[in-house]
Amino acid sequence: IVLETLLQLRGRVGAVVVPRSSKGSLCDPSLALYLSHAGLPVLE
């Protein structure tokens, strides 16, 4: 996962599909939360 690449695709991608995290685990952060805050459309 390379944020710089995904940011270049904002507006060109229908959705970024990511696996659901276990919620609340420091070693398993939410990819959906991270990418949605970067302005990307996300499906978990």
ModelCIF file with pLDDT and N, C-alpha, C, O atoms, coordinates in Angstrom:
data_MODEL
#
_entry.id   MODEL 
#
_entity.id                         1 
_entity.type                       polymer 
_entity.pdbx_number_of_molecules   1 
#
_entity_poly.entity_id                      1 
_entity_poly.type                           'polypeptide(L)' 
_entity_poly.nstd_linkage                   no 
_entity_poly.nstd_monomer                   no 
_entity_poly.pdbx_seq_one_letter_code       IVLETLLQLRGRVGAVVVPRSSKGSLCDPSLALYLSHAGLPVLE 
_entity_poly.pdbx_seq_one_letter_code_can   IVLETLLQLRGRVGAVVVPRSSKGSLCDPSLALYLSHAGLPVLE 
_entity_poly.pdbx_strand_id                 A 
#
loop_
_entity_poly_seq.entity_id 
_entity_poly_seq.num 
_entity_poly_seq.mon_id 
_entity_poly_seq.hetero 
1 1  ILE n 
1 2  VAL n 
1 3  LEU n 
1 4  GLU n 
1 5  THR n 
1 6  LEU n 
1 7  LEU n 
1 8  GLN n 
1 9  LEU n 
1 10 ARG n 
1 11 GLY n 
1 12 ARG n 
1 13 VAL n 
1 14 GLY n 
1 15 ALA n 
1 16 VAL n 
1 17 VAL n 
1 18 VAL n 
1 19 PRO n 
1 20 ARG n 
1 21 SER n 
1 22 SER n 
1 23 LYS n 
1 24 GLY n 
1 25 SER n 
1 26 LEU n 
1 27 CYS n 
1 28 ASP n 
1 29 PRO n 
1 30 SER n 
1 31 LEU n 
1 32 ALA n 
1 33 LEU n 
1 34 TYR n 
1 35 LEU n 
1 36 SER n 
1 37 HIS n 
1 38 ALA n 
1 39 GLY n 
1 40 LEU n 
1 41 PRO n 
1 42 VAL n 
1 43 LEU n 
1 44 GLU n 
#
_struct_asym.id          A 
_struct_asym.entity_id   1 
#
loop_
_ma_qa_metric.id 
_ma_qa_metric.mode 
_ma_qa_metric.name 
_ma_qa_metric.software_group_id 
_ma_qa_metric.type 
1 global pLDDT . pLDDT 
2 local  pLDDT . pLDDT 
#
_ma_qa_metric_global.metric_id      1 
_ma_qa_metric_global.metric_value   91.18 
_ma_qa_metric_global.model_id       1 
_ma_qa_metric_global.ordinal_id     1 
#
loop_
_ma_qa_metric_local.label_asym_id 
_ma_qa_metric_local.label_comp_id 
_ma_qa_metric_local.label_seq_id 
_ma_qa_metric_local.metric_id 
_ma_qa_metric_local.metric_value 
_ma_qa_metric_local.model_id 
_ma_qa_metric_local.ordinal_id 
A ILE 1  2 87.00 1 1  
A VAL 2  2 87.00 1 2  
A LEU 3  2 90.00 1 3  
A GLU 4  2 89.00 1 4  
A THR 5  2 88.00 1 5  
A LEU 6  2 92.00 1 6  
A LEU 7  2 92.00 1 7  
A GLN 8  2 90.00 1 8  
A LEU 9  2 90.00 1 9  
A ARG 10 2 91.00 1 10 
A GLY 11 2 91.00 1 11 
A ARG 12 2 94.00 1 12 
A VAL 13 2 96.00 1 13 
A GLY 14 2 97.00 1 14 
A ALA 15 2 97.00 1 15 
A VAL 16 2 97.00 1 16 
A VAL 17 2 98.00 1 17 
A VAL 18 2 97.00 1 18 
A PRO 19 2 96.00 1 19 
A ARG 20 2 95.00 1 20 
A SER 21 2 92.00 1 21 
A SER 22 2 86.00 1 22 
A LYS 23 2 79.00 1 23 
A GLY 24 2 70.00 1 24 
A SER 25 2 76.00 1 25 
A LEU 26 2 77.00 1 26 
A CYS 27 2 79.00 1 27 
A ASP 28 2 84.00 1 28 
A PRO 29 2 86.00 1 29 
A SER 30 2 92.00 1 30 
A LEU 31 2 94.00 1 31 
A ALA 32 2 95.00 1 32 
A LEU 33 2 94.00 1 33 
A TYR 34 2 91.00 1 34 
A LEU 35 2 96.00 1 35 
A SER 36 2 96.00 1 36 
A HIS 37 2 95.00 1 37 
A ALA 38 2 95.00 1 38 
A GLY 39 2 95.00 1 39 
A LEU 40 2 97.00 1 40 
A PRO 41 2 97.00 1 41 
A VAL 42 2 97.00 1 42 
A LEU 43 2 98.00 1 43 
A GLU 44 2 97.00 1 44 
#
loop_
_atom_site.group_PDB 
_atom_site.id 
_atom_site.type_symbol 
_atom_site.label_atom_id 
_atom_site.label_alt_id 
_atom_site.label_comp_id 
_atom_site.label_asym_id 
_atom_site.label_entity_id 
_atom_site.label_seq_id 
_atom_site.pdbx_PDB_ins_code 
_atom_site.Cartn_x 
_atom_site.Cartn_y 
_atom_site.Cartn_z 
_atom_site.occupancy 
_atom_site.B_iso_or_equiv 
_atom_site.pdbx_formal_charge 
_atom_site.auth_seq_id 
_atom_site.auth_comp_id 
_atom_site.auth_asym_id 
_atom_site.auth_atom_id 
_atom_site.pdbx_PDB_model_num 
ATOM 1   N N  . ILE A 1 1  ? 0.865   -1.174 0.000   1.00 87.00 ? 1  ILE A N  1 
ATOM 2   C CA . ILE A 1 1  ? 0.000   0.000  0.000   1.00 87.00 ? 1  ILE A CA 1 
ATOM 3   C C  . ILE A 1 1  ? 0.910   1.235  0.000   1.00 87.00 ? 1  ILE A C  1 
ATOM 4   O O  . ILE A 1 1  ? 1.703   1.447  0.918   1.00 87.00 ? 1  ILE A O  1 
ATOM 5   N N  . VAL A 1 2  ? 0.772   2.026  -1.039  1.00 87.00 ? 2  VAL A N  1 
ATOM 6   C CA . VAL A 1 2  ? 1.599   3.221  -1.187  1.00 87.00 ? 2  VAL A CA 1 
ATOM 7   C C  . VAL A 1 2  ? 0.652   4.416  -1.283  1.00 87.00 ? 2  VAL A C  1 
ATOM 8   O O  . VAL A 1 2  ? 0.005   4.635  -2.307  1.00 87.00 ? 2  VAL A O  1 
ATOM 9   N N  . LEU A 1 3  ? 0.584   5.178  -0.199  1.00 90.00 ? 3  LEU A N  1 
ATOM 10  C CA . LEU A 1 3  ? -0.361  6.288  -0.135  1.00 90.00 ? 3  LEU A CA 1 
ATOM 11  C C  . LEU A 1 3  ? -0.161  7.275  -1.283  1.00 90.00 ? 3  LEU A C  1 
ATOM 12  O O  . LEU A 1 3  ? -1.135  7.780  -1.841  1.00 90.00 ? 3  LEU A O  1 
ATOM 13  N N  . GLU A 1 4  ? 1.085   7.551  -1.636  1.00 89.00 ? 4  GLU A N  1 
ATOM 14  C CA . GLU A 1 4  ? 1.354   8.511  -2.707  1.00 89.00 ? 4  GLU A CA 1 
ATOM 15  C C  . GLU A 1 4  ? 0.702   8.074  -4.022  1.00 89.00 ? 4  GLU A C  1 
ATOM 16  O O  . GLU A 1 4  ? 0.187   8.907  -4.768  1.00 89.00 ? 4  GLU A O  1 
ATOM 17  N N  . THR A 1 5  ? 0.725   6.781  -4.301  1.00 88.00 ? 5  THR A N  1 
ATOM 18  C CA . THR A 1 5  ? 0.091   6.267  -5.517  1.00 88.00 ? 5  THR A CA 1 
ATOM 19  C C  . THR A 1 5  ? -1.420  6.410  -5.417  1.00 88.00 ? 5  THR A C  1 
ATOM 20  O O  . THR A 1 5  ? -2.065  6.867  -6.360  1.00 88.00 ? 5  THR A O  1 
ATOM 21  N N  . LEU A 1 6  ? -1.985  6.024  -4.284  1.00 92.00 ? 6  LEU A N  1 
ATOM 22  C CA . LEU A 1 6  ? -3.434  6.107  -4.131  1.00 92.00 ? 6  LEU A CA 1 
ATOM 23  C C  . LEU A 1 6  ? -3.928  7.551  -4.191  1.00 92.00 ? 6  LEU A C  1 
ATOM 24  O O  . LEU A 1 6  ? -4.997  7.815  -4.741  1.00 92.00 ? 6  LEU A O  1 
ATOM 25  N N  . LEU A 1 7  ? -3.167  8.480  -3.636  1.00 92.00 ? 7  LEU A N  1 
ATOM 26  C CA . LEU A 1 7  ? -3.574  9.882  -3.704  1.00 92.00 ? 7  LEU A CA 1 
ATOM 27  C C  . LEU A 1 7  ? -3.640  10.369 -5.144  1.00 92.00 ? 7  LEU A C  1 
ATOM 28  O O  . LEU A 1 7  ? -4.503  11.178 -5.484  1.00 92.00 ? 7  LEU A O  1 
ATOM 29  N N  . GLN A 1 8  ? -2.744  9.889  -5.987  1.00 90.00 ? 8  GLN A N  1 
ATOM 30  C CA . GLN A 1 8  ? -2.767  10.258 -7.404  1.00 90.00 ? 8  GLN A CA 1 
ATOM 31  C C  . GLN A 1 8  ? -4.010  9.715  -8.108  1.00 90.00 ? 8  GLN A C  1 
ATOM 32  O O  . GLN A 1 8  ? -4.424  10.237 -9.143  1.00 90.00 ? 8  GLN A O  1 
ATOM 33  N N  . LEU A 1 9  ? -4.600  8.665  -7.539  1.00 90.00 ? 9  LEU A N  1 
ATOM 34  C CA . LEU A 1 9  ? -5.768  8.039  -8.156  1.00 90.00 ? 9  LEU A CA 1 
ATOM 35  C C  . LEU A 1 9  ? -7.096  8.576  -7.626  1.00 90.00 ? 9  LEU A C  1 
ATOM 36  O O  . LEU A 1 9  ? -8.158  8.191  -8.116  1.00 90.00 ? 9  LEU A O  1 
ATOM 37  N N  . ARG A 1 10 ? -7.044  9.465  -6.625  1.00 91.00 ? 10 ARG A N  1 
ATOM 38  C CA . ARG A 1 10 ? -8.299  10.060 -6.129  1.00 91.00 ? 10 ARG A CA 1 
ATOM 39  C C  . ARG A 1 10 ? -9.037  10.690 -7.293  1.00 91.00 ? 10 ARG A C  1 
ATOM 40  O O  . ARG A 1 10 ? -8.445  11.400 -8.106  1.00 91.00 ? 10 ARG A O  1 
ATOM 41  N N  . GLY A 1 11 ? -10.313 10.432 -7.367  1.00 91.00 ? 11 GLY A N  1 
ATOM 42  C CA . GLY A 1 11 ? -11.111 10.973 -8.463  1.00 91.00 ? 11 GLY A CA 1 
ATOM 43  C C  . GLY A 1 11 ? -11.122 10.068 -9.690  1.00 91.00 ? 11 GLY A C  1 
ATOM 44  O O  . GLY A 1 11 ? -11.939 10.263 -10.590 1.00 91.00 ? 11 GLY A O  1 
ATOM 45  N N  . ARG A 1 12 ? -10.232 9.084  -9.739  1.00 94.00 ? 12 ARG A N  1 
ATOM 46  C CA . ARG A 1 12 ? -10.172 8.159  -10.880 1.00 94.00 ? 12 ARG A CA 1 
ATOM 47  C C  . ARG A 1 12 ? -10.595 6.748  -10.496 1.00 94.00 ? 12 ARG A C  1 
ATOM 48  O O  . ARG A 1 12 ? -10.735 5.882  -11.360 1.00 94.00 ? 12 ARG A O  1 
ATOM 49  N N  . VAL A 1 13 ? -10.800 6.512  -9.199  1.00 96.00 ? 13 VAL A N  1 
ATOM 50  C CA . VAL A 1 13 ? -11.090 5.159  -8.737  1.00 96.00 ? 13 VAL A CA 1 
ATOM 51  C C  . VAL A 1 13 ? -12.481 5.133  -8.083  1.00 96.00 ? 13 VAL A C  1 
ATOM 52  O O  . VAL A 1 13 ? -12.830 6.004  -7.285  1.00 96.00 ? 13 VAL A O  1 
ATOM 53  N N  . GLY A 1 14 ? -13.264 4.103  -8.448  1.00 97.00 ? 14 GLY A N  1 
ATOM 54  C CA . GLY A 1 14 ? -14.595 3.964  -7.879  1.00 97.00 ? 14 GLY A CA 1 
ATOM 55  C C  . GLY A 1 14 ? -14.547 3.649  -6.398  1.00 97.00 ? 14 GLY A C  1 
ATOM 56  O O  . GLY A 1 14 ? -15.303 4.222  -5.613  1.00 97.00 ? 14 GLY A O  1 
ATOM 57  N N  . ALA A 1 15 ? -13.654 2.733  -6.007  1.00 97.00 ? 15 ALA A N  1 
ATOM 58  C CA . ALA A 1 15 ? -13.492 2.385  -4.594  1.00 97.00 ? 15 ALA A CA 1 
ATOM 59  C C  . ALA A 1 15 ? -12.169 1.677  -4.395  1.00 97.00 ? 15 ALA A C  1 
ATOM 60  O O  . ALA A 1 15 ? -11.679 0.972  -5.278  1.00 97.00 ? 15 ALA A O  1 
ATOM 61  N N  . VAL A 1 16 ? -11.603 1.878  -3.223  1.00 97.00 ? 16 VAL A N  1 
ATOM 62  C CA . VAL A 1 16 ? -10.433 1.127  -2.793  1.00 97.00 ? 16 VAL A CA 1 
ATOM 63  C C  . VAL A 1 16 ? -10.964 0.047  -1.851  1.00 97.00 ? 16 VAL A C  1 
ATOM 64  O O  . VAL A 1 16 ? -11.574 0.357  -0.827  1.00 97.00 ? 16 VAL A O  1 
ATOM 65  N N  . VAL A 1 17 ? -10.731 -1.216 -2.197  1.00 98.00 ? 17 VAL A N  1 
ATOM 66  C CA . VAL A 1 17 ? -11.232 -2.341 -1.407  1.00 98.00 ? 17 VAL A CA 1 
ATOM 67  C C  . VAL A 1 17 ? -10.132 -2.765 -0.443  1.00 98.00 ? 17 VAL A C  1 
ATOM 68  O O  . VAL A 1 17 ? -9.007  -3.056 -0.851  1.00 98.00 ? 17 VAL A O  1 
ATOM 69  N N  . VAL A 1 18 ? -10.475 -2.795 0.850   1.00 97.00 ? 18 VAL A N  1 
ATOM 70  C CA . VAL A 1 18 ? -9.500  -3.136 1.886   1.00 97.00 ? 18 VAL A CA 1 
ATOM 71  C C  . VAL A 1 18 ? -10.085 -4.176 2.833   1.00 97.00 ? 18 VAL A C  1 
ATOM 72  O O  . VAL A 1 18 ? -11.302 -4.234 3.009   1.00 97.00 ? 18 VAL A O  1 
ATOM 73  N N  . PRO A 1 19 ? -9.233  -5.001 3.448   1.00 96.00 ? 19 PRO A N  1 
ATOM 74  C CA . PRO A 1 19 ? -9.724  -5.958 4.445   1.00 96.00 ? 19 PRO A CA 1 
ATOM 75  C C  . PRO A 1 19 ? -10.061 -5.254 5.762   1.00 96.00 ? 19 PRO A C  1 
ATOM 76  O O  . PRO A 1 19 ? -9.416  -4.279 6.148   1.00 96.00 ? 19 PRO A O  1 
ATOM 77  N N  . ARG A 1 20 ? -11.083 -5.771 6.434   1.00 95.00 ? 20 ARG A N  1 
ATOM 78  C CA . ARG A 1 20 ? -11.514 -5.228 7.732   1.00 95.00 ? 20 ARG A CA 1 
ATOM 79  C C  . ARG A 1 20 ? -10.497 -5.600 8.809   1.00 95.00 ? 20 ARG A C  1 
ATOM 80  O O  . ARG A 1 20 ? -10.022 -6.734 8.859   1.00 95.00 ? 20 ARG A O  1 
ATOM 81  N N  . SER A 1 21 ? -10.171 -4.641 9.663   1.00 92.00 ? 21 SER A N  1 
ATOM 82  C CA . SER A 1 21 ? -9.239  -4.903 10.767  1.00 92.00 ? 21 SER A CA 1 
ATOM 83  C C  . SER A 1 21 ? -9.994  -5.500 11.949  1.00 92.00 ? 21 SER A C  1 
ATOM 84  O O  . SER A 1 21 ? -11.221 -5.606 11.926  1.00 92.00 ? 21 SER A O  1 
ATOM 85  N N  . SER A 1 22 ? -9.249  -5.887 12.979  1.00 86.00 ? 22 SER A N  1 
ATOM 86  C CA . SER A 1 22 ? -9.868  -6.463 14.175  1.00 86.00 ? 22 SER A CA 1 
ATOM 87  C C  . SER A 1 22 ? -10.380 -5.395 15.127  1.00 86.00 ? 22 SER A C  1 
ATOM 88  O O  . SER A 1 22 ? -10.935 -5.728 16.174  1.00 86.00 ? 22 SER A O  1 
ATOM 89  N N  . LYS A 1 23 ? -10.210 -4.136 14.796  1.00 79.00 ? 23 LYS A N  1 
ATOM 90  C CA . LYS A 1 23 ? -10.702 -3.000 15.574  1.00 79.00 ? 23 LYS A CA 1 
ATOM 91  C C  . LYS A 1 23 ? -10.035 -2.891 16.945  1.00 79.00 ? 23 LYS A C  1 
ATOM 92  O O  . LYS A 1 23 ? -10.155 -3.782 17.786  1.00 79.00 ? 23 LYS A O  1 
ATOM 93  N N  . GLY A 1 24 ? -9.354  -1.816 17.143  1.00 70.00 ? 24 GLY A N  1 
ATOM 94  C CA . GLY A 1 24 ? -8.792  -1.519 18.449  1.00 70.00 ? 24 GLY A CA 1 
ATOM 95  C C  . GLY A 1 24 ? -7.444  -2.147 18.746  1.00 70.00 ? 24 GLY A C  1 
ATOM 96  O O  . GLY A 1 24 ? -6.967  -2.057 19.877  1.00 70.00 ? 24 GLY A O  1 
ATOM 97  N N  . SER A 1 25 ? -6.823  -2.774 17.778  1.00 76.00 ? 25 SER A N  1 
ATOM 98  C CA . SER A 1 25 ? -5.529  -3.397 17.999  1.00 76.00 ? 25 SER A CA 1 
ATOM 99  C C  . SER A 1 25 ? -4.438  -2.510 17.402  1.00 76.00 ? 25 SER A C  1 
ATOM 100 O O  . SER A 1 25 ? -4.514  -2.117 16.238  1.00 76.00 ? 25 SER A O  1 
ATOM 101 N N  . LEU A 1 26 ? -3.439  -2.204 18.199  1.00 77.00 ? 26 LEU A N  1 
ATOM 102 C CA . LEU A 1 26 ? -2.359  -1.342 17.734  1.00 77.00 ? 26 LEU A CA 1 
ATOM 103 C C  . LEU A 1 26 ? -1.636  -1.927 16.529  1.00 77.00 ? 26 LEU A C  1 
ATOM 104 O O  . LEU A 1 26 ? -1.217  -1.186 15.639  1.00 77.00 ? 26 LEU A O  1 
ATOM 105 N N  . CYS A 1 27 ? -1.486  -3.248 16.490  1.00 79.00 ? 27 CYS A N  1 
ATOM 106 C CA . CYS A 1 27 ? -0.758  -3.863 15.376  1.00 79.00 ? 27 CYS A CA 1 
ATOM 107 C C  . CYS A 1 27 ? -1.660  -4.124 14.174  1.00 79.00 ? 27 CYS A C  1 
ATOM 108 O O  . CYS A 1 27 ? -1.177  -4.597 13.145  1.00 79.00 ? 27 CYS A O  1 
ATOM 109 N N  . ASP A 1 28 ? -2.958  -3.831 14.276  1.00 84.00 ? 28 ASP A N  1 
ATOM 110 C CA . ASP A 1 28 ? -3.907  -4.084 13.192  1.00 84.00 ? 28 ASP A CA 1 
ATOM 111 C C  . ASP A 1 28 ? -4.758  -2.837 12.939  1.00 84.00 ? 28 ASP A C  1 
ATOM 112 O O  . ASP A 1 28 ? -5.969  -2.859 13.159  1.00 84.00 ? 28 ASP A O  1 
ATOM 113 N N  . PRO A 1 29 ? -4.133  -1.758 12.482  1.00 86.00 ? 29 PRO A N  1 
ATOM 114 C CA . PRO A 1 29 ? -4.893  -0.523 12.283  1.00 86.00 ? 29 PRO A CA 1 
ATOM 115 C C  . PRO A 1 29 ? -5.898  -0.669 11.137  1.00 86.00 ? 29 PRO A C  1 
ATOM 116 O O  . PRO A 1 29 ? -5.744  -1.517 10.258  1.00 86.00 ? 29 PRO A O  1 
ATOM 117 N N  . SER A 1 30 ? -6.913  0.164  11.168  1.00 92.00 ? 30 SER A N  1 
ATOM 118 C CA . SER A 1 30 ? -7.952  0.145  10.143  1.00 92.00 ? 30 SER A CA 1 
ATOM 119 C C  . SER A 1 30 ? -7.453  0.823  8.873   1.00 92.00 ? 30 SER A C  1 
ATOM 120 O O  . SER A 1 30 ? -7.216  2.031  8.853   1.00 92.00 ? 30 SER A O  1 
ATOM 121 N N  . LEU A 1 31 ? -7.298  0.038  7.820   1.00 94.00 ? 31 LEU A N  1 
ATOM 122 C CA . LEU A 1 31 ? -6.919  0.612  6.525   1.00 94.00 ? 31 LEU A CA 1 
ATOM 123 C C  . LEU A 1 31 ? -8.047  1.482  5.985   1.00 94.00 ? 31 LEU A C  1 
ATOM 124 O O  . LEU A 1 31 ? -7.793  2.492  5.328   1.00 94.00 ? 31 LEU A O  1 
ATOM 125 N N  . ALA A 1 32 ? -9.300  1.094  6.260   1.00 95.00 ? 32 ALA A N  1 
ATOM 126 C CA . ALA A 1 32 ? -10.448 1.868  5.792   1.00 95.00 ? 32 ALA A CA 1 
ATOM 127 C C  . ALA A 1 32 ? -10.451 3.266  6.411   1.00 95.00 ? 32 ALA A C  1 
ATOM 128 O O  . ALA A 1 32 ? -10.677 4.252  5.710   1.00 95.00 ? 32 ALA A O  1 
ATOM 129 N N  . LEU A 1 33 ? -10.206 3.356  7.693   1.00 94.00 ? 33 LEU A N  1 
ATOM 130 C CA . LEU A 1 33 ? -10.179 4.650  8.371   1.00 94.00 ? 33 LEU A CA 1 
ATOM 131 C C  . LEU A 1 33 ? -9.047  5.519  7.825   1.00 94.00 ? 33 LEU A C  1 
ATOM 132 O O  . LEU A 1 33 ? -9.239  6.701  7.537   1.00 94.00 ? 33 LEU A O  1 
ATOM 133 N N  . TYR A 1 34 ? -7.881  4.923  7.688   1.00 91.00 ? 34 TYR A N  1 
ATOM 134 C CA . TYR A 1 34 ? -6.694  5.617  7.175   1.00 91.00 ? 34 TYR A CA 1 
ATOM 135 C C  . TYR A 1 34 ? -6.951  6.197  5.785   1.00 91.00 ? 34 TYR A C  1 
ATOM 136 O O  . TYR A 1 34 ? -6.681  7.373  5.539   1.00 91.00 ? 34 TYR A O  1 
ATOM 137 N N  . LEU A 1 35 ? -7.473  5.370  4.879   1.00 96.00 ? 35 LEU A N  1 
ATOM 138 C CA . LEU A 1 35 ? -7.652  5.809  3.496   1.00 96.00 ? 35 LEU A CA 1 
ATOM 139 C C  . LEU A 1 35 ? -8.852  6.742  3.332   1.00 96.00 ? 35 LEU A C  1 
ATOM 140 O O  . LEU A 1 35 ? -8.811  7.652  2.504   1.00 96.00 ? 35 LEU A O  1 
ATOM 141 N N  . SER A 1 36 ? -9.913  6.532  4.103   1.00 96.00 ? 36 SER A N  1 
ATOM 142 C CA . SER A 1 36 ? -11.058 7.439  3.992   1.00 96.00 ? 36 SER A CA 1 
ATOM 143 C C  . SER A 1 36 ? -10.686 8.833  4.479   1.00 96.00 ? 36 SER A C  1 
ATOM 144 O O  . SER A 1 36 ? -11.176 9.825  3.939   1.00 96.00 ? 36 SER A O  1 
ATOM 145 N N  . HIS A 1 37 ? -9.824  8.925  5.494   1.00 95.00 ? 37 HIS A N  1 
ATOM 146 C CA . HIS A 1 37 ? -9.363  10.241 5.960   1.00 95.00 ? 37 HIS A CA 1 
ATOM 147 C C  . HIS A 1 37 ? -8.450  10.912 4.940   1.00 95.00 ? 37 HIS A C  1 
ATOM 148 O O  . HIS A 1 37 ? -8.255  12.126 4.977   1.00 95.00 ? 37 HIS A O  1 
ATOM 149 N N  . ALA A 1 38 ? -7.893  10.119 4.035   1.00 95.00 ? 38 ALA A N  1 
ATOM 150 C CA . ALA A 1 38 ? -7.079  10.680 2.952   1.00 95.00 ? 38 ALA A CA 1 
ATOM 151 C C  . ALA A 1 38 ? -7.944  11.067 1.753   1.00 95.00 ? 38 ALA A C  1 
ATOM 152 O O  . ALA A 1 38 ? -7.427  11.499 0.722   1.00 95.00 ? 38 ALA A O  1 
ATOM 153 N N  . GLY A 1 39 ? -9.268  10.911 1.893   1.00 95.00 ? 39 GLY A N  1 
ATOM 154 C CA . GLY A 1 39 ? -10.179 11.338 0.837   1.00 95.00 ? 39 GLY A CA 1 
ATOM 155 C C  . GLY A 1 39 ? -10.467 10.298 -0.228  1.00 95.00 ? 39 GLY A C  1 
ATOM 156 O O  . GLY A 1 39 ? -10.947 10.633 -1.311  1.00 95.00 ? 39 GLY A O  1 
ATOM 157 N N  . LEU A 1 40 ? -10.178 9.044  0.068   1.00 97.00 ? 40 LEU A N  1 
ATOM 158 C CA . LEU A 1 40 ? -10.421 7.983  -0.907  1.00 97.00 ? 40 LEU A CA 1 
ATOM 159 C C  . LEU A 1 40 ? -11.733 7.262  -0.608  1.00 97.00 ? 40 LEU A C  1 
ATOM 160 O O  . LEU A 1 40 ? -12.080 7.074  0.558   1.00 97.00 ? 40 LEU A O  1 
ATOM 161 N N  . PRO A 1 41 ? -12.462 6.856  -1.643  1.00 97.00 ? 41 PRO A N  1 
ATOM 162 C CA . PRO A 1 41 ? -13.663 6.066  -1.418  1.00 97.00 ? 41 PRO A CA 1 
ATOM 163 C C  . PRO A 1 41 ? -13.260 4.637  -1.066  1.00 97.00 ? 41 PRO A C  1 
ATOM 164 O O  . PRO A 1 41 ? -12.515 4.004  -1.813  1.00 97.00 ? 41 PRO A O  1 
ATOM 165 N N  . VAL A 1 42 ? -13.745 4.124  0.062   1.00 97.00 ? 42 VAL A N  1 
ATOM 166 C CA . VAL A 1 42 ? -13.268 2.849  0.587   1.00 97.00 ? 42 VAL A CA 1 
ATOM 167 C C  . VAL A 1 42 ? -14.426 1.873  0.775   1.00 97.00 ? 42 VAL A C  1 
ATOM 168 O O  . VAL A 1 42 ? -15.509 2.257  1.218   1.00 97.00 ? 42 VAL A O  1 
ATOM 169 N N  . LEU A 1 43 ? -14.183 0.608  0.434   1.00 98.00 ? 43 LEU A N  1 
ATOM 170 C CA . LEU A 1 43 ? -15.078 -0.500 0.759   1.00 98.00 ? 43 LEU A CA 1 
ATOM 171 C C  . LEU A 1 43 ? -14.291 -1.478 1.621   1.00 98.00 ? 43 LEU A C  1 
ATOM 172 O O  . LEU A 1 43 ? -13.225 -1.946 1.222   1.00 98.00 ? 43 LEU A O  1 
ATOM 173 N N  . GLU A 1 44 ? -14.816 -1.783 2.796   1.00 97.00 ? 44 GLU A N  1 
ATOM 174 C CA . GLU A 1 44 ? -14.148 -2.699 3.712   1.00 97.00 ? 44 GLU A CA 1 
ATOM 175 C C  . GLU A 1 44 ? -14.791 -4.082 3.578   1.00 97.00 ? 44 GLU A C  1 
ATOM 176 O O  . GLU A 1 44 ? -14.384 -5.021 4.262   1.00 97.00 ? 44 GLU A O  1 
#
